[in-house]
Amino acid sequence: MLKIKQLDVGTHIGGFITLLQRCQFYFSVLNFLMLLATFYYTTLRHVLPIGFSVFAVALAFVLVVVMVLEYVIVYPSIVKFQTYQVYIRNPLVQDVREIKKELDEIRKLLEGR
């Protein structure tokens, strides 16, 4: 394995990068809203004569439906998959199995007295 010495520069750089990554979602939402407004005013209102408020309410409705589907169907599946992956790859699982086995043996010994 390649051994490269890492510098101890504190937490400011890592904290700043983490904050930027976490805020990227909000930047994306704002960017998407601006793109939707641009799409409406440059294309959609010429093809479909609906008001911007109707367009915005329809998009909000679609967003709520997608969020409900995500929460009800997708998210539980992701959690279950991640839990399974962590469980099968966790070296502590074998340790816990051995501890449970030893506890069962101790319990049997104590009950036999």
Protein backbone atom coordinates (compact mmCIF):
# COMPACT_ATOMS: atom_id res chain seq x y z
CA MET A 1 0.00 0.00 0.00
CA LEU A 2 1.18 3.47 -0.88
CA LYS A 3 2.19 5.45 2.19
CA ILE A 4 1.74 9.18 1.72
CA LYS A 5 1.95 11.42 4.76
CA GLN A 6 -1.22 13.40 5.36
CA LEU A 7 -1.07 16.93 6.66
CA ASP A 8 -2.95 17.96 9.76
CA VAL A 9 -4.52 21.21 8.59
CA GLY A 10 -7.39 21.29 11.05
CA THR A 11 -11.09 21.09 10.37
CA HIS A 12 -11.76 24.34 8.49
CA ILE A 13 -11.15 23.03 4.95
CA GLY A 14 -13.07 19.80 5.52
CA GLY A 15 -15.89 21.65 7.23
CA PHE A 16 -16.16 24.14 4.38
CA ILE A 17 -16.24 21.40 1.74
CA THR A 18 -18.81 19.41 3.73
CA LEU A 19 -20.98 22.51 4.07
CA LEU A 20 -20.77 23.18 0.34
CA GLN A 21 -21.73 19.58 -0.42
CA ARG A 22 -24.70 19.71 1.93
CA CYS A 23 -25.88 23.03 0.47
CA GLN A 24 -25.58 21.79 -3.10
CA PHE A 25 -29.12 20.37 -2.85
CA TYR A 26 -30.52 23.83 -2.09
CA PHE A 27 -28.52 25.40 -4.91
CA SER A 28 -29.90 22.73 -7.24
CA VAL A 29 -33.49 23.47 -6.17
CA LEU A 30 -33.04 27.18 -6.83
CA ASN A 31 -31.40 26.47 -10.17
CA PHE A 32 -34.23 24.11 -11.13
CA LEU A 33 -36.88 26.68 -10.20
CA MET A 34 -35.17 29.28 -12.36
CA LEU A 35 -35.00 26.81 -15.25
CA LEU A 36 -38.72 26.05 -14.85
CA ALA A 37 -39.59 29.75 -14.93
CA THR A 38 -37.43 30.22 -18.02
CA PHE A 39 -39.06 27.20 -19.68
CA TYR A 40 -42.51 28.56 -18.91
CA TYR A 41 -41.88 32.07 -20.22
CA THR A 42 -39.89 31.06 -23.32
CA THR A 43 -41.72 27.91 -24.44
CA LEU A 44 -44.69 26.55 -22.52
CA ARG A 45 -46.95 29.61 -22.42
CA HIS A 46 -46.76 29.81 -26.23
CA VAL A 47 -47.76 26.17 -26.60
CA LEU A 48 -50.17 25.77 -23.68
CA PRO A 49 -52.01 28.94 -22.66
CA ILE A 50 -52.05 28.48 -18.88
CA GLY A 51 -51.11 30.97 -16.22
CA PHE A 52 -47.83 30.74 -14.36
CA SER A 53 -49.64 30.14 -11.06
CA VAL A 54 -51.44 27.09 -12.55
CA PHE A 55 -48.09 25.86 -13.86
CA ALA A 56 -46.46 26.34 -10.43
CA VAL A 57 -49.32 24.59 -8.59
CA ALA A 58 -49.18 21.66 -11.04
CA LEU A 59 -45.45 21.32 -10.48
CA ALA A 60 -45.92 21.49 -6.70
CA PHE A 61 -48.52 18.73 -6.96
CA VAL A 62 -46.16 16.56 -9.03
CA LEU A 63 -43.42 17.21 -6.47
CA VAL A 64 -45.67 16.12 -3.58
CA VAL A 65 -46.67 12.93 -5.44
CA VAL A 66 -43.02 12.11 -6.17
CA MET A 67 -42.07 12.77 -2.54
CA VAL A 68 -44.83 10.45 -1.28
CA LEU A 69 -43.73 7.71 -3.68
CA GLU A 70 -40.13 8.20 -2.60
CA TYR A 71 -41.07 7.98 1.09
CA VAL A 72 -43.43 5.01 0.73
CA ILE A 73 -41.58 2.86 -1.83
CA VAL A 74 -38.00 3.91 -2.55
CA TYR A 75 -36.69 5.04 0.84
CA PRO A 76 -37.62 1.84 2.74
CA SER A 77 -35.93 -0.21 0.03
CA ILE A 78 -32.77 1.91 0.24
CA VAL A 79 -32.65 1.62 4.04
CA LYS A 80 -33.18 -2.15 3.86
CA PHE A 81 -30.45 -2.53 1.22
CA GLN A 82 -27.96 -0.40 3.14
CA THR A 83 -28.69 -2.23 6.38
CA TYR A 84 -28.16 -5.56 4.63
CA GLN A 85 -24.88 -4.37 3.09
CA VAL A 86 -23.59 -3.10 6.43
CA TYR A 87 -24.63 -6.30 8.17
CA ILE A 88 -23.01 -8.76 5.75
CA ARG A 89 -19.78 -6.75 5.54
CA ASN A 90 -19.44 -5.91 9.22
CA PRO A 91 -16.71 -7.94 10.96
CA LEU A 92 -18.40 -7.29 14.30
CA VAL A 93 -21.32 -9.51 13.27
CA GLN A 94 -19.19 -12.63 13.65
CA ASP A 95 -17.99 -11.37 17.05
CA VAL A 96 -21.59 -10.85 18.18
CA ARG A 97 -22.49 -14.36 17.02
CA GLU A 98 -19.62 -15.80 19.05
CA ILE A 99 -20.62 -13.76 22.11
CA LYS A 100 -24.23 -14.95 21.80
CA LYS A 101 -23.01 -18.54 21.53
CA GLU A 102 -20.88 -18.13 24.63
CA LEU A 103 -23.78 -16.50 26.50
CA ASP A 104 -26.04 -19.42 25.56
CA GLU A 105 -23.41 -21.84 26.92
CA ILE A 106 -23.09 -19.82 30.15
CA ARG A 107 -26.89 -19.71 30.49
CA LYS A 108 -27.08 -23.50 30.08
CA LEU A 109 -24.38 -23.97 32.72
CA LEU A 110 -26.19 -21.64 35.15
CA GLU A 111 -29.54 -23.34 34.56
CA GLY A 112 -27.97 -26.75 35.17
CA ARG A 113 -26.94 -25.83 38.72
